[in-house]
Amino acid sequence: MCDIILPNQKGMNSSKIVLIALVGCISFLILIVVFVSSGFVRQVPIFWKEEIRATVAFQEINGQLKVVGLIGNGDTNPTLVMKAGDSPYILTVINQDTTPHIFYVDELGVHTKLLQPNENDTITLISKKETTYNYYDSLNPEKKIGQIIAVRVEAFE
């Protein structure tokens, strides 16, 4: 036996499918809007590794060796602030003086290479704890130049 589909019945089945699809799409759109507006979606990827970058330079100012903040801090012999934990503090050091220098951070044991005039080097600092580090010119270690403060930063609502 053969089933005979009348033209009216075929059109009615297509209309039902379109209506069901339209209701499903609208429901899905409403679900997405509710999900996003509830704060379940972040602007920054969850696994994005945060880092802080800064640039300083050795300079002779009024006959004294100074470190001058170029990017991230504009002070002379600046107190640099880094995040304690796993976030790296990436520091570029430029020698804008006429003599060689080595930027050295105590307790971390991190230092640049020997910087000849107009050379630069980049170092990465990571501090697991909240503390204060001093930085020096390793070629003149008895004179502290400045400090790096590691602070814990936590989100709040």
Protein backbone atom coordinates (compact mmCIF):
# COMPACT_ATOMS: atom_id res chain seq x y z
CA MET A 1 0.00 0.00 0.00
CA CYS A 2 1.18 3.45 -0.78
CA ASP A 3 0.78 6.42 1.46
CA ILE A 4 -0.47 9.45 -0.33
CA ILE A 5 0.56 12.82 1.08
CA LEU A 6 -1.70 15.61 0.16
CA PRO A 7 -0.07 18.96 -0.65
CA ASN A 8 -1.74 20.62 2.34
CA GLN A 9 -0.33 18.11 4.80
CA LYS A 10 3.23 18.43 3.42
CA GLY A 11 3.15 22.22 3.84
CA MET A 12 1.83 21.88 7.38
CA ASN A 13 4.74 19.60 8.41
CA SER A 14 7.29 22.12 7.03
CA SER A 15 5.60 24.94 8.92
CA LYS A 16 5.82 22.99 12.18
CA ILE A 17 9.53 22.31 11.65
CA VAL A 18 10.23 25.99 10.92
CA LEU A 19 8.23 27.06 13.97
CA ILE A 20 10.06 24.58 16.24
CA ALA A 21 13.45 25.71 14.86
CA LEU A 22 12.54 29.38 15.36
CA VAL A 23 11.42 28.80 18.97
CA GLY A 24 14.60 26.77 19.64
CA CYS A 25 16.89 29.51 18.26
CA ILE A 26 15.14 32.23 20.26
CA SER A 27 15.37 30.10 23.43
CA PHE A 28 19.09 29.49 22.79
CA LEU A 29 19.70 33.23 22.27
CA ILE A 30 17.92 34.04 25.55
CA LEU A 31 20.00 31.37 27.33
CA ILE A 32 23.25 32.91 25.99
CA VAL A 33 22.21 36.43 27.09
CA VAL A 34 21.36 35.17 30.61
CA PHE A 35 24.63 33.21 30.84
CA VAL A 36 26.80 36.15 29.73
CA SER A 37 25.00 38.74 31.85
CA SER A 38 25.38 36.55 34.96
CA GLY A 39 29.15 36.99 34.82
CA PHE A 40 30.07 33.47 33.71
CA VAL A 41 32.05 34.80 30.76
CA ARG A 42 35.36 36.63 31.36
CA GLN A 43 36.89 39.35 29.19
CA VAL A 44 40.34 37.84 29.84
CA PRO A 45 40.99 34.15 29.31
CA ILE A 46 41.16 32.27 32.61
CA PHE A 47 44.52 30.72 31.79
CA TRP A 48 46.13 33.94 30.52
CA LYS A 49 49.48 34.46 32.25
CA GLU A 50 49.67 38.01 33.59
CA GLU A 51 52.97 39.83 33.33
CA ILE A 52 54.23 43.31 34.13
CA ARG A 53 56.81 45.01 31.93
CA ALA A 54 59.01 47.98 32.78
CA THR A 55 62.14 49.65 31.42
CA VAL A 56 64.83 51.47 33.40
CA ALA A 57 68.17 52.99 32.43
CA PHE A 58 71.49 53.65 34.14
CA GLN A 59 72.34 57.35 33.76
CA GLU A 60 74.85 59.72 35.28
CA ILE A 61 73.00 62.73 36.71
CA ASN A 62 74.98 65.53 38.41
CA GLY A 63 77.99 63.25 38.73
CA GLN A 64 76.04 60.43 40.44
CA LEU A 65 74.89 57.11 39.07
CA LYS A 66 71.09 56.89 38.95
CA VAL A 67 68.53 54.48 37.59
CA VAL A 68 65.81 56.32 35.69
CA GLY A 69 62.41 54.79 34.99
CA LEU A 70 61.55 54.99 31.29
CA ILE A 71 58.50 52.74 30.92
CA GLY A 72 56.26 51.72 33.82
CA ASN A 73 57.75 54.31 36.19
CA GLY A 74 59.15 57.75 35.51
CA ASP A 75 61.05 58.35 38.75
CA THR A 76 64.77 58.50 39.46
CA ASN A 77 65.92 55.42 41.43
CA PRO A 78 62.28 54.28 41.34
CA THR A 79 60.62 51.89 43.71
CA LEU A 80 59.38 49.21 41.34
CA VAL A 81 56.23 47.29 42.27
CA MET A 82 55.72 43.69 41.20
CA LYS A 83 53.00 41.13 41.89
CA ALA A 84 53.90 38.35 44.33
CA GLY A 85 53.03 34.85 43.14
CA ASP A 86 53.56 33.37 39.71
CA SER A 87 53.31 36.56 37.64
CA PRO A 88 56.60 37.52 36.01
CA TYR A 89 57.99 41.04 36.23
CA ILE A 90 59.89 41.59 33.01
CA LEU A 91 62.45 44.36 33.38
CA THR A 92 64.51 45.79 30.55
CA VAL A 93 67.65 47.61 31.70
CA ILE A 94 69.46 50.03 29.38
CA ASN A 95 72.91 51.46 30.02
CA GLN A 96 72.77 55.13 29.02
CA ASP A 97 75.94 55.88 30.98
CA THR A 98 79.53 56.00 29.71
CA THR A 99 80.79 53.15 31.93
CA PRO A 100 79.73 49.48 32.21
CA HIS A 101 77.08 48.39 34.73
CA ILE A 102 75.29 45.23 35.94
CA PHE A 103 71.77 45.58 37.36
CA TYR A 104 71.56 43.17 40.34
CA VAL A 105 68.57 42.27 42.57
CA ASP A 106 69.57 40.94 46.00
CA GLU A 107 67.94 37.82 47.48
CA LEU A 108 66.67 36.81 44.04
CA GLY A 109 70.19 36.56 42.65
CA VAL A 110 68.97 37.89 39.32
CA HIS A 111 71.15 40.22 37.27
CA THR A 112 71.70 41.53 33.79
CA LYS A 113 74.75 40.75 31.73
CA LEU A 114 77.60 43.26 31.83
CA LEU A 115 76.07 46.23 30.04
CA GLN A 116 78.48 48.31 28.03
CA PRO A 117 77.37 51.87 27.12
CA ASN A 118 74.19 51.82 24.97
CA GLU A 119 73.57 48.09 25.55
CA ASN A 120 70.47 46.62 27.17
CA ASP A 121 69.34 43.34 28.69
CA THR A 122 66.02 41.95 29.88
CA ILE A 123 65.60 40.01 33.12
CA THR A 124 62.56 38.23 34.55
CA LEU A 125 61.78 38.49 38.25
CA ILE A 126 59.35 36.25 40.12
CA SER A 127 58.70 36.53 43.85
CA LYS A 128 56.61 33.87 45.56
CA LYS A 129 56.26 35.98 48.72
CA GLU A 130 55.44 39.54 49.69
CA THR A 131 58.71 41.27 50.45
CA THR A 132 61.07 44.07 49.48
CA TYR A 133 64.22 43.57 47.42
CA ASN A 134 67.05 46.03 46.93
CA TYR A 135 68.70 46.57 43.58
CA TYR A 136 72.28 47.61 42.96
CA ASP A 137 74.89 48.13 40.33
CA SER A 138 76.80 44.91 40.87
CA LEU A 139 80.03 46.73 40.01
CA ASN A 140 79.37 49.02 43.00
CA PRO A 141 77.45 46.70 45.41
CA GLU A 142 77.92 48.70 48.59
CA LYS A 143 75.50 51.40 47.38
CA LYS A 144 71.83 50.46 47.14
CA ILE A 145 70.17 52.22 44.20
CA GLY A 146 66.49 51.42 44.79
CA GLN A 147 63.89 48.87 45.79
CA ILE A 148 61.49 46.40 44.25
CA ILE A 149 58.39 45.67 46.31
CA ALA A 150 56.51 42.41 45.75
CA VAL A 151 52.86 42.69 46.82
CA ARG A 152 50.03 40.18 46.82
CA VAL A 153 47.11 41.25 44.65
CA GLU A 154 43.77 39.53 45.13
CA ALA A 155 40.46 40.05 43.38
CA PHE A 156 37.48 41.25 45.36
CA GLU A 157 33.85 41.80 44.52
